[in-house]
Amino acid sequence: AADIAITKLLYQTIRFAAVIQDLNCRGPVKTSCLLRVWSLGFMLLAGSGGFPDGKKRKTAHVIVCGNEKGGSGKSTTAMHIAVALLRSGYAVATVDLDGRQLSLTRYVENRRRWARMAGLSLAIPQHFHVPPARRETVSDNESEEFRQLTDGLADIENAHDFVVIDTPGSDTFLNRIAHRIA
């Protein structure tokens, strides 16, 4: 029953990802990130237990949930993907790049708190967020945020199979970097 629930959840998550609009609202996204999500979904649904391209990795496979529009379900999708991967036995880390809302951070903290209060042993992803820099210039802010992101990823990429990154609902420097990393 748990496998059926995971399969349904993953299928719904992937189906949702397929209808996300591109940054210019011209239609469904046709990026390598989306293709990776589809590959991952079919791999898990098929139960292959490998990576989408069949290769073993020394570093984590990165999945970015992004859309320039706020409220489109990026954080919810990121959490569902992370939980589905955790329940499938993968080591997962999550990164929240939305320094204002911190929705994914709150999801992870709520899951941890609820599991503790209920006395349950739930799989929780290793998590970090990149807070907004408060420097004097935009260039200094971008440099600081980039350093925080790359330092954080360096700490987790070799110990995890997947890193799921949640981005803000706006066109930001970190948002662009995250999509390039994926």
N, C-alpha and C. Protein backbone atom coordinates (compact mmCIF):
# COMPACT_ATOMS: atom_id res chain seq x y z
N ALA A 1 0.83 -1.20 0.00
CA ALA A 1 0.00 0.00 0.00
C ALA A 1 0.87 1.26 0.00
N ALA A 2 1.98 1.20 0.74
CA ALA A 2 2.87 2.37 0.78
C ALA A 2 3.48 2.63 -0.59
N ASP A 3 3.87 1.55 -1.29
CA ASP A 3 4.45 1.72 -2.63
C ASP A 3 3.44 2.33 -3.60
N ILE A 4 2.19 1.93 -3.49
CA ILE A 4 1.15 2.50 -4.35
C ILE A 4 0.97 3.98 -4.05
N ALA A 5 0.99 4.34 -2.76
CA ALA A 5 0.86 5.76 -2.38
C ALA A 5 2.03 6.58 -2.91
N ILE A 6 3.23 6.04 -2.80
CA ILE A 6 4.41 6.75 -3.31
C ILE A 6 4.30 6.92 -4.82
N THR A 7 3.90 5.86 -5.50
CA THR A 7 3.77 5.93 -6.96
C THR A 7 2.74 6.98 -7.35
N LYS A 8 1.59 7.00 -6.68
CA LYS A 8 0.56 8.01 -6.99
C LYS A 8 1.08 9.41 -6.71
N LEU A 9 1.74 9.59 -5.57
CA LEU A 9 2.28 10.90 -5.21
C LEU A 9 3.30 11.35 -6.24
N LEU A 10 4.20 10.47 -6.61
CA LEU A 10 5.23 10.82 -7.58
C LEU A 10 4.61 11.13 -8.93
N TYR A 11 3.64 10.33 -9.35
CA TYR A 11 2.98 10.58 -10.64
C TYR A 11 2.28 11.93 -10.62
N GLN A 12 1.60 12.26 -9.51
CA GLN A 12 0.92 13.56 -9.42
C GLN A 12 1.94 14.68 -9.43
N THR A 13 3.04 14.50 -8.75
CA THR A 13 4.09 15.52 -8.73
C THR A 13 4.65 15.73 -10.12
N ILE A 14 4.94 14.67 -10.82
CA ILE A 14 5.51 14.78 -12.16
C ILE A 14 4.49 15.38 -13.11
N ARG A 15 3.23 14.95 -13.01
CA ARG A 15 2.20 15.50 -13.88
C ARG A 15 2.07 17.00 -13.65
N PHE A 16 2.15 17.43 -12.38
CA PHE A 16 2.10 18.85 -12.06
C PHE A 16 3.30 19.57 -12.67
N ALA A 17 4.48 18.98 -12.55
CA ALA A 17 5.69 19.61 -13.09
C ALA A 17 5.59 19.80 -14.59
N ALA A 18 4.87 18.92 -15.25
CA ALA A 18 4.78 18.99 -16.70
C ALA A 18 3.99 20.20 -17.20
N VAL A 19 3.14 20.77 -16.35
CA VAL A 19 2.33 21.90 -16.81
C VAL A 19 2.83 23.24 -16.29
N ILE A 20 3.98 23.27 -15.64
CA ILE A 20 4.55 24.53 -15.18
C ILE A 20 4.92 25.37 -16.40
N GLN A 21 4.59 26.64 -16.35
CA GLN A 21 4.87 27.54 -17.46
C GLN A 21 6.32 27.99 -17.43
N ASP A 22 6.86 28.34 -18.61
CA ASP A 22 8.21 28.86 -18.65
C ASP A 22 8.22 30.29 -18.11
N LEU A 23 9.41 30.88 -17.96
CA LEU A 23 9.53 32.20 -17.35
C LEU A 23 8.83 33.29 -18.13
N ASN A 24 8.60 33.10 -19.42
CA ASN A 24 7.91 34.10 -20.24
C ASN A 24 6.46 33.72 -20.51
N CYS A 25 5.94 32.73 -19.79
CA CYS A 25 4.55 32.27 -19.91
C CYS A 25 4.18 31.90 -21.34
N ARG A 26 5.09 31.25 -22.04
CA ARG A 26 4.83 30.84 -23.42
C ARG A 26 4.37 29.40 -23.53
N GLY A 27 4.24 28.72 -22.44
CA GLY A 27 3.80 27.33 -22.51
C GLY A 27 4.59 26.45 -21.58
N PRO A 28 4.33 25.13 -21.63
CA PRO A 28 5.02 24.21 -20.73
C PRO A 28 6.54 24.27 -20.90
N VAL A 29 7.22 24.10 -19.79
CA VAL A 29 8.68 24.13 -19.78
C VAL A 29 9.21 22.92 -20.55
N LYS A 30 10.22 23.14 -21.35
CA LYS A 30 10.86 22.06 -22.10
C LYS A 30 12.36 22.12 -21.83
N THR A 31 12.74 22.07 -20.57
CA THR A 31 14.14 22.20 -20.21
C THR A 31 14.71 20.87 -19.79
N SER A 32 16.02 20.83 -19.68
CA SER A 32 16.67 19.61 -19.22
C SER A 32 16.24 19.28 -17.80
N CYS A 33 15.96 20.31 -16.98
CA CYS A 33 15.51 20.08 -15.61
C CYS A 33 14.21 19.29 -15.61
N LEU A 34 13.25 19.71 -16.43
CA LEU A 34 11.99 19.00 -16.50
C LEU A 34 12.20 17.59 -17.04
N LEU A 35 13.05 17.45 -18.03
CA LEU A 35 13.32 16.12 -18.57
C LEU A 35 13.94 15.22 -17.51
N ARG A 36 14.78 15.80 -16.67
CA ARG A 36 15.38 15.01 -15.59
C ARG A 36 14.31 14.57 -14.60
N VAL A 37 13.35 15.46 -14.30
CA VAL A 37 12.27 15.09 -13.39
C VAL A 37 11.45 13.96 -14.00
N TRP A 38 11.13 14.07 -15.29
CA TRP A 38 10.40 13.00 -15.96
C TRP A 38 11.19 11.70 -15.93
N SER A 39 12.49 11.75 -16.23
CA SER A 39 13.32 10.55 -16.22
C SER A 39 13.34 9.93 -14.84
N LEU A 40 13.49 10.77 -13.83
CA LEU A 40 13.51 10.29 -12.46
C LEU A 40 12.19 9.62 -12.12
N GLY A 41 11.09 10.24 -12.51
CA GLY A 41 9.78 9.67 -12.23
C GLY A 41 9.58 8.32 -12.87
N PHE A 42 9.94 8.21 -14.13
CA PHE A 42 9.77 6.93 -14.81
C PHE A 42 10.72 5.88 -14.24
N MET A 43 11.91 6.30 -13.84
CA MET A 43 12.87 5.37 -13.24
C MET A 43 12.28 4.81 -11.94
N LEU A 44 11.72 5.70 -11.10
CA LEU A 44 11.17 5.24 -9.83
C LEU A 44 9.90 4.42 -10.04
N LEU A 45 9.05 4.84 -10.98
CA LEU A 45 7.83 4.08 -11.25
C LEU A 45 8.17 2.69 -11.77
N ALA A 46 9.23 2.59 -12.55
CA ALA A 46 9.64 1.30 -13.10
C ALA A 46 10.42 0.48 -12.07
N GLY A 47 10.85 1.12 -10.98
CA GLY A 47 11.56 0.41 -9.93
C GLY A 47 12.97 0.01 -10.31
N SER A 48 13.61 0.76 -11.20
CA SER A 48 14.94 0.38 -11.67
C SER A 48 16.00 0.55 -10.59
N GLY A 49 15.76 1.48 -9.66
CA GLY A 49 16.72 1.68 -8.58
C GLY A 49 17.99 2.37 -9.00
N GLY A 50 18.14 2.73 -10.27
CA GLY A 50 19.33 3.42 -10.74
C GLY A 50 19.05 4.88 -11.00
N PHE A 51 20.00 5.54 -11.62
CA PHE A 51 19.81 6.94 -11.98
C PHE A 51 19.19 7.01 -13.37
N PRO A 52 18.59 8.15 -13.72
CA PRO A 52 17.91 8.27 -15.01
C PRO A 52 18.76 7.89 -16.21
N ASP A 53 20.05 8.19 -16.17
CA ASP A 53 20.90 7.86 -17.31
C ASP A 53 21.62 6.53 -17.14
N GLY A 54 21.31 5.80 -16.06
CA GLY A 54 21.90 4.49 -15.84
C GLY A 54 23.31 4.52 -15.29
N LYS A 55 23.86 5.70 -15.03
CA LYS A 55 25.24 5.82 -14.54
C LYS A 55 25.26 5.95 -13.02
N LYS A 56 26.35 5.52 -12.44
CA LYS A 56 26.58 5.75 -11.01
C LYS A 56 27.23 7.12 -10.88
N ARG A 57 26.86 7.86 -9.85
CA ARG A 57 27.39 9.21 -9.66
C ARG A 57 28.25 9.28 -8.42
N LYS A 58 29.25 10.13 -8.49
CA LYS A 58 30.06 10.43 -7.31
C LYS A 58 29.50 11.67 -6.63
N THR A 59 28.74 12.47 -7.36
CA THR A 59 28.09 13.64 -6.78
C THR A 59 26.59 13.52 -6.99
N ALA A 60 25.86 14.32 -6.27
CA ALA A 60 24.39 14.25 -6.29
C ALA A 60 23.80 14.72 -7.61
N HIS A 61 22.66 14.13 -7.94
CA HIS A 61 21.85 14.58 -9.07
C HIS A 61 21.02 15.76 -8.55
N VAL A 62 21.02 16.87 -9.26
CA VAL A 62 20.35 18.10 -8.78
C VAL A 62 19.03 18.28 -9.50
N ILE A 63 17.97 18.50 -8.72
CA ILE A 63 16.64 18.80 -9.26
C ILE A 63 16.25 20.19 -8.76
N VAL A 64 15.91 21.08 -9.67
CA VAL A 64 15.51 22.44 -9.30
C VAL A 64 14.03 22.62 -9.59
N CYS A 65 13.29 23.11 -8.61
CA CYS A 65 11.88 23.46 -8.80
C CYS A 65 11.82 24.97 -8.93
N GLY A 66 11.53 25.45 -10.12
CA GLY A 66 11.55 26.89 -10.34
C GLY A 66 10.44 27.36 -11.26
N ASN A 67 9.99 28.56 -11.02
CA ASN A 67 9.01 29.24 -11.84
C ASN A 67 9.03 30.69 -11.38
N GLU A 68 8.97 31.61 -12.31
CA GLU A 68 9.04 33.02 -11.94
C GLU A 68 7.80 33.48 -11.18
N LYS A 69 6.72 32.75 -11.29
CA LYS A 69 5.48 33.14 -10.62
C LYS A 69 5.45 32.57 -9.21
N GLY A 70 5.08 33.40 -8.27
CA GLY A 70 4.89 32.93 -6.90
C GLY A 70 3.59 32.15 -6.79
N GLY A 71 3.52 31.24 -5.83
CA GLY A 71 2.30 30.49 -5.59
C GLY A 71 2.00 29.42 -6.61
N SER A 72 2.98 29.02 -7.39
CA SER A 72 2.74 28.02 -8.44
C SER A 72 2.98 26.59 -7.96
N GLY A 73 3.42 26.41 -6.72
CA GLY A 73 3.61 25.07 -6.17
C GLY A 73 5.04 24.57 -6.16
N LYS A 74 6.00 25.47 -6.30
CA LYS A 74 7.41 25.05 -6.33
C LYS A 74 7.83 24.36 -5.04
N SER A 75 7.54 24.97 -3.91
CA SER A 75 7.97 24.40 -2.62
C SER A 75 7.25 23.09 -2.33
N THR A 76 5.96 23.04 -2.61
CA THR A 76 5.20 21.82 -2.40
C THR A 76 5.74 20.70 -3.29
N THR A 77 6.00 21.01 -4.54
CA THR A 77 6.56 20.02 -5.46
C THR A 77 7.93 19.55 -4.97
N ALA A 78 8.77 20.49 -4.54
CA ALA A 78 10.10 20.14 -4.04
C ALA A 78 10.00 19.18 -2.85
N MET A 79 9.09 19.46 -1.93
CA MET A 79 8.94 18.60 -0.75
C MET A 79 8.42 17.22 -1.15
N HIS A 80 7.46 17.16 -2.06
CA HIS A 80 6.93 15.86 -2.50
C HIS A 80 8.01 15.04 -3.20
N ILE A 81 8.80 15.68 -4.03
CA ILE A 81 9.89 14.96 -4.71
C ILE A 81 10.90 14.45 -3.69
N ALA A 82 11.28 15.30 -2.73
CA ALA A 82 12.25 14.90 -1.71
C ALA A 82 11.73 13.71 -0.89
N VAL A 83 10.47 13.77 -0.46
CA VAL A 83 9.91 12.69 0.34
C VAL A 83 9.80 11.40 -0.48
N ALA A 84 9.38 11.51 -1.74
CA ALA A 84 9.29 10.32 -2.59
C ALA A 84 10.66 9.67 -2.77
N LEU A 85 11.69 10.49 -2.95
CA LEU A 85 13.05 9.95 -3.09
C LEU A 85 13.53 9.33 -1.78
N LEU A 86 13.27 9.99 -0.65
CA LEU A 86 13.64 9.43 0.65
C LEU A 86 12.97 8.08 0.87
N ARG A 87 11.68 8.01 0.57
CA ARG A 87 10.93 6.77 0.77
C ARG A 87 11.37 5.68 -0.21
N SER A 88 12.03 6.07 -1.27
CA SER A 88 12.56 5.09 -2.23
C SER A 88 13.97 4.66 -1.86
N GLY A 89 14.48 5.17 -0.75
CA GLY A 89 15.78 4.73 -0.26
C GLY A 89 16.97 5.59 -0.65
N TYR A 90 16.73 6.71 -1.30
CA TYR A 90 17.83 7.58 -1.71
C TYR A 90 18.20 8.55 -0.59
N ALA A 91 19.47 8.93 -0.56
CA ALA A 91 19.94 9.97 0.36
C ALA A 91 19.64 11.31 -0.31
N VAL A 92 18.86 12.15 0.38
CA VAL A 92 18.37 13.40 -0.22
C VAL A 92 18.71 14.59 0.66
N ALA A 93 19.13 15.66 0.00
CA ALA A 93 19.31 16.95 0.67
C ALA A 93 18.41 17.95 -0.03
N THR A 94 17.96 18.94 0.71
CA THR A 94 17.13 20.00 0.13
C THR A 94 17.77 21.35 0.42
N VAL A 95 17.54 22.28 -0.52
CA VAL A 95 18.10 23.63 -0.40
C VAL A 95 16.97 24.61 -0.69
N ASP A 96 16.82 25.59 0.18
CA ASP A 96 15.81 26.64 0.00
C ASP A 96 16.52 27.93 -0.37
N LEU A 97 16.27 28.42 -1.58
CA LEU A 97 16.89 29.67 -2.03
C LEU A 97 15.97 30.87 -1.87
N ASP A 98 14.76 30.64 -1.38
CA ASP A 98 13.81 31.74 -1.19
C ASP A 98 13.98 32.31 0.21
N GLY A 99 14.87 33.28 0.34
CA GLY A 99 15.21 33.86 1.63
C GLY A 99 14.09 34.62 2.30
N ARG A 100 13.09 35.04 1.54
CA ARG A 100 11.96 35.77 2.13
C ARG A 100 10.91 34.81 2.70
N GLN A 101 10.46 33.87 1.91
CA GLN A 101 9.35 33.00 2.30
C GLN A 101 9.80 31.79 3.13
N LEU A 102 10.91 31.18 2.74
CA LEU A 102 11.44 29.98 3.41
C LEU A 102 10.39 28.86 3.52
N SER A 103 9.58 28.70 2.48
CA SER A 103 8.51 27.70 2.52
C SER A 103 9.06 26.28 2.66
N LEU A 104 10.07 25.92 1.87
CA LEU A 104 10.62 24.57 1.97
C LEU A 104 11.27 24.36 3.33
N THR A 105 11.93 25.37 3.84
CA THR A 105 12.54 25.28 5.17
C THR A 105 11.46 24.99 6.22
N ARG A 106 10.35 25.69 6.14
CA ARG A 106 9.25 25.46 7.09
C ARG A 106 8.66 24.05 6.92
N TYR A 107 8.53 23.58 5.67
CA TYR A 107 8.03 22.21 5.45
C TYR A 107 8.94 21.20 6.14
N VAL A 108 10.24 21.34 5.95
CA VAL A 108 11.20 20.39 6.53
C VAL A 108 11.15 20.48 8.06
N GLU A 109 11.14 21.69 8.61
CA GLU A 109 11.08 21.86 10.07
C GLU A 109 9.78 21.30 10.63
N ASN A 110 8.65 21.53 9.95
CA ASN A 110 7.37 21.00 10.41
C ASN A 110 7.36 19.47 10.38
N ARG A 111 7.94 18.88 9.35
CA ARG A 111 8.02 17.42 9.27
C ARG A 111 8.86 16.87 10.42
N ARG A 112 9.99 17.52 10.69
CA ARG A 112 10.86 17.09 11.78
C ARG A 112 10.14 17.22 13.13
N ARG A 113 9.48 18.36 13.35
CA ARG A 113 8.77 18.61 14.60
C ARG A 113 7.61 17.63 14.79
N TRP A 114 6.84 17.41 13.72
CA TRP A 114 5.69 16.51 13.81
C TRP A 114 6.15 15.08 14.10
N ALA A 115 7.20 14.63 13.45
CA ALA A 115 7.72 13.28 13.69
C ALA A 115 8.17 13.13 15.14
N ARG A 116 8.83 14.15 15.66
CA ARG A 116 9.30 14.11 17.05
C ARG A 116 8.11 14.05 18.02
N MET A 117 7.11 14.92 17.79
CA MET A 117 5.95 14.96 18.69
C MET A 117 5.12 13.68 18.60
N ALA A 118 5.03 13.09 17.42
CA ALA A 118 4.24 11.86 17.23
C ALA A 118 5.04 10.61 17.57
N GLY A 119 6.33 10.77 17.86
CA GLY A 119 7.17 9.62 18.18
C GLY A 119 7.42 8.72 16.98
N LEU A 120 7.42 9.31 15.79
CA LEU A 120 7.63 8.54 14.57
C LEU A 120 9.05 8.72 14.05
N SER A 121 9.49 7.73 13.31
CA SER A 121 10.78 7.83 12.66
C SER A 121 10.54 8.10 11.18
N LEU A 122 10.49 9.38 10.81
CA LEU A 122 10.28 9.77 9.42
C LEU A 122 11.61 10.15 8.79
N ALA A 123 11.76 9.80 7.54
CA ALA A 123 12.96 10.22 6.81
C ALA A 123 12.89 11.72 6.59
N ILE A 124 13.95 12.42 6.96
CA ILE A 124 14.02 13.88 6.82
C ILE A 124 15.25 14.20 5.98
N PRO A 125 15.09 15.03 4.96
CA PRO A 125 16.28 15.38 4.16
C PRO A 125 17.22 16.29 4.95
N GLN A 126 18.50 16.19 4.66
CA GLN A 126 19.42 17.19 5.19
C GLN A 126 19.06 18.49 4.48
N HIS A 127 19.01 19.58 5.22
CA HIS A 127 18.48 20.81 4.64
C HIS A 127 19.33 22.01 5.00
N PHE A 128 19.44 22.94 4.05
CA PHE A 128 19.98 24.26 4.38
C PHE A 128 19.32 25.30 3.49
N HIS A 129 19.36 26.53 3.95
CA HIS A 129 18.84 27.63 3.13
C HIS A 129 19.91 28.70 3.01
N VAL A 130 19.79 29.47 1.95
CA VAL A 130 20.73 30.57 1.71
C VAL A 130 20.00 31.87 2.04
N PRO A 131 20.37 32.50 3.16
CA PRO A 131 19.71 33.76 3.52
C PRO A 131 20.14 34.88 2.59
N PRO A 132 19.27 35.87 2.40
CA PRO A 132 19.64 37.01 1.55
C PRO A 132 20.84 37.76 2.14
N ALA A 133 21.78 38.10 1.30
CA ALA A 133 22.94 38.88 1.76
C ALA A 133 22.50 40.33 1.99
N ARG A 134 23.19 41.01 2.88
CA ARG A 134 22.86 42.40 3.21
C ARG A 134 24.08 43.30 3.02
N ARG A 135 24.68 43.22 1.85
CA ARG A 135 25.87 44.04 1.54
C ARG A 135 25.44 45.37 0.94
N GLU A 136 26.41 46.20 0.66
CA GLU A 136 26.10 47.54 0.14
C GLU A 136 25.79 47.56 -1.34
N THR A 137 26.35 46.65 -2.11
CA THR A 137 26.11 46.66 -3.56
C THR A 137 25.47 45.35 -4.01
N VAL A 138 24.79 45.40 -5.13
CA VAL A 138 24.18 44.20 -5.70
C VAL A 138 25.25 43.16 -5.99
N SER A 139 26.37 43.61 -6.54
CA SER A 139 27.47 42.70 -6.87
C SER A 139 27.99 41.99 -5.62
N ASP A 140 28.14 42.72 -4.53
CA ASP A 140 28.59 42.11 -3.27
C ASP A 140 27.56 41.12 -2.74
N ASN A 141 26.28 41.47 -2.85
CA ASN A 141 25.21 40.55 -2.41
C ASN A 141 25.25 39.26 -3.22
N GLU A 142 25.37 39.40 -4.53
CA GLU A 142 25.41 38.22 -5.39
C GLU A 142 26.62 37.35 -5.09
N SER A 143 27.76 37.97 -4.86
CA SER A 143 28.98 37.21 -4.54
C SER A 143 28.81 36.45 -3.23
N GLU A 144 28.25 37.11 -2.22
CA GLU A 144 28.04 36.48 -0.91
C GLU A 144 27.05 35.31 -1.01
N GLU A 145 25.94 35.52 -1.69
CA GLU A 145 24.94 34.46 -1.84
C GLU A 145 25.49 33.29 -2.65
N PHE A 146 26.25 33.58 -3.69
CA PHE A 146 26.87 32.53 -4.50
C PHE A 146 27.82 31.71 -3.64
N ARG A 147 28.63 32.38 -2.83
CA ARG A 147 29.57 31.68 -1.94
C ARG A 147 28.81 30.79 -0.96
N GLN A 148 27.74 31.31 -0.36
CA GLN A 148 26.96 30.51 0.58
C GLN A 148 26.36 29.26 -0.09
N LEU A 149 25.85 29.45 -1.30
CA LEU A 149 25.26 28.33 -2.03
C LEU A 149 26.32 27.29 -2.38
N THR A 150 27.43 27.71 -2.95
CA THR A 150 28.45 26.75 -3.36
C THR A 150 29.10 26.06 -2.16
N ASP A 151 29.30 26.80 -1.07
CA ASP A 151 29.84 26.17 0.15
C ASP A 151 28.87 25.12 0.68
N GLY A 152 27.59 25.46 0.72
CA GLY A 152 26.58 24.52 1.20
C GLY A 152 26.50 23.28 0.33
N LEU A 153 26.51 23.48 -0.99
CA LEU A 153 26.45 22.33 -1.90
C LEU A 153 27.70 21.47 -1.80
N ALA A 154 28.85 22.09 -1.61
CA ALA A 154 30.10 21.33 -1.48
C ALA A 154 30.04 20.41 -0.26
N ASP A 155 29.36 20.86 0.80
CA ASP A 155 29.24 20.05 2.01
C ASP A 155 28.32 18.84 1.84
N ILE A 156 27.37 18.91 0.91
CA ILE A 156 26.36 17.85 0.82
C ILE A 156 26.41 17.01 -0.45
N GLU A 157 27.00 17.51 -1.52
CA GLU A 157 26.84 16.84 -2.82
C GLU A 157 27.43 15.43 -2.87
N ASN A 158 28.49 15.16 -2.16
CA ASN A 158 29.10 13.83 -2.22
C ASN A 158 28.46 12.81 -1.29
N ALA A 159 27.67 13.28 -0.34
CA ALA A 159 27.05 12.38 0.63
C ALA A 159 25.60 12.06 0.28
N HIS A 160 25.08 12.62 -0.81
CA HIS A 160 23.68 12.44 -1.16
C HIS A 160 23.52 12.00 -2.62
N ASP A 161 22.45 11.26 -2.86
CA ASP A 161 22.14 10.85 -4.23
C ASP A 161 21.46 11.98 -5.01
N PHE A 162 20.64 12.76 -4.31
CA PHE A 162 19.88 13.84 -4.93
C PHE A 162 19.89 15.08 -4.06
N VAL A 163 19.91 16.24 -4.71
CA VAL A 163 19.72 17.52 -4.04
C VAL A 163 18.53 18.18 -4.73
N VAL A 164 17.50 18.50 -3.95
CA VAL A 164 16.31 19.16 -4.47
C VAL A 164 16.37 20.62 -4.05
N ILE A 165 16.37 21.52 -5.03
CA ILE A 165 16.50 22.95 -4.76
C ILE A 165 15.18 23.66 -5.05
N ASP A 166 14.71 24.42 -4.06
CA ASP A 166 13.50 25.24 -4.21
C ASP A 166 13.93 26.68 -4.43
N THR A 167 13.34 27.33 -5.43
CA THR A 167 13.74 28.69 -5.78
C THR A 167 12.61 29.67 -5.50
N PRO A 168 12.94 30.96 -5.41
CA PRO A 168 11.89 31.97 -5.19
C PRO A 168 11.06 32.20 -6.45
N GLY A 169 9.90 32.78 -6.26
CA GLY A 169 9.02 33.09 -7.38
C GLY A 169 9.37 34.40 -8.03
N SER A 170 10.61 34.54 -8.38
CA SER A 170 11.08 35.76 -9.06
C SER A 170 12.38 35.43 -9.79
N ASP A 171 12.76 36.32 -10.67
CA ASP A 171 14.00 36.15 -11.43
C ASP A 171 15.14 36.73 -10.61
N THR A 172 15.89 35.86 -9.93
CA THR A 172 16.98 36.31 -9.08
C THR A 172 18.29 35.69 -9.56
N PHE A 173 19.36 36.24 -9.06
CA PHE A 173 20.69 35.72 -9.36
C PHE A 173 20.80 34.25 -8.93
N LEU A 174 20.39 33.95 -7.70
CA LEU A 174 20.48 32.57 -7.20
C LEU A 174 19.58 31.63 -7.99
N ASN A 175 18.43 32.11 -8.40
CA ASN A 175 17.52 31.30 -9.20
C ASN A 175 18.21 30.87 -10.50
N ARG A 176 18.85 31.80 -11.15
CA ARG A 176 19.56 31.49 -12.39
C ARG A 176 20.73 30.52 -12.15
N ILE A 177 21.46 30.74 -11.07
CA ILE A 177 22.59 29.86 -10.74
C ILE A 177 22.08 28.44 -10.49
N ALA A 178 21.01 28.31 -9.73
CA ALA A 178 20.46 26.98 -9.43
C ALA A 178 20.09 26.24 -10.70
N HIS A 179 19.46 26.92 -11.64
CA HIS A 179 19.08 26.27 -12.89
C HIS A 179 20.31 25.88 -13.72
N ARG A 180 21.36 26.66 -13.63
CA ARG A 180 22.60 26.30 -14.33
C ARG A 180 23.24 25.08 -13.70
N ILE A 181 23.18 24.99 -12.38
CA ILE A 181 23.76 23.85 -11.67
C ILE A 181 23.06 22.56 -12.08
N ALA A 182 21.75 22.62 -12.20
CA ALA A 182 20.98 21.41 -12.56
C ALA A 182 21.36 20.97 -13.96
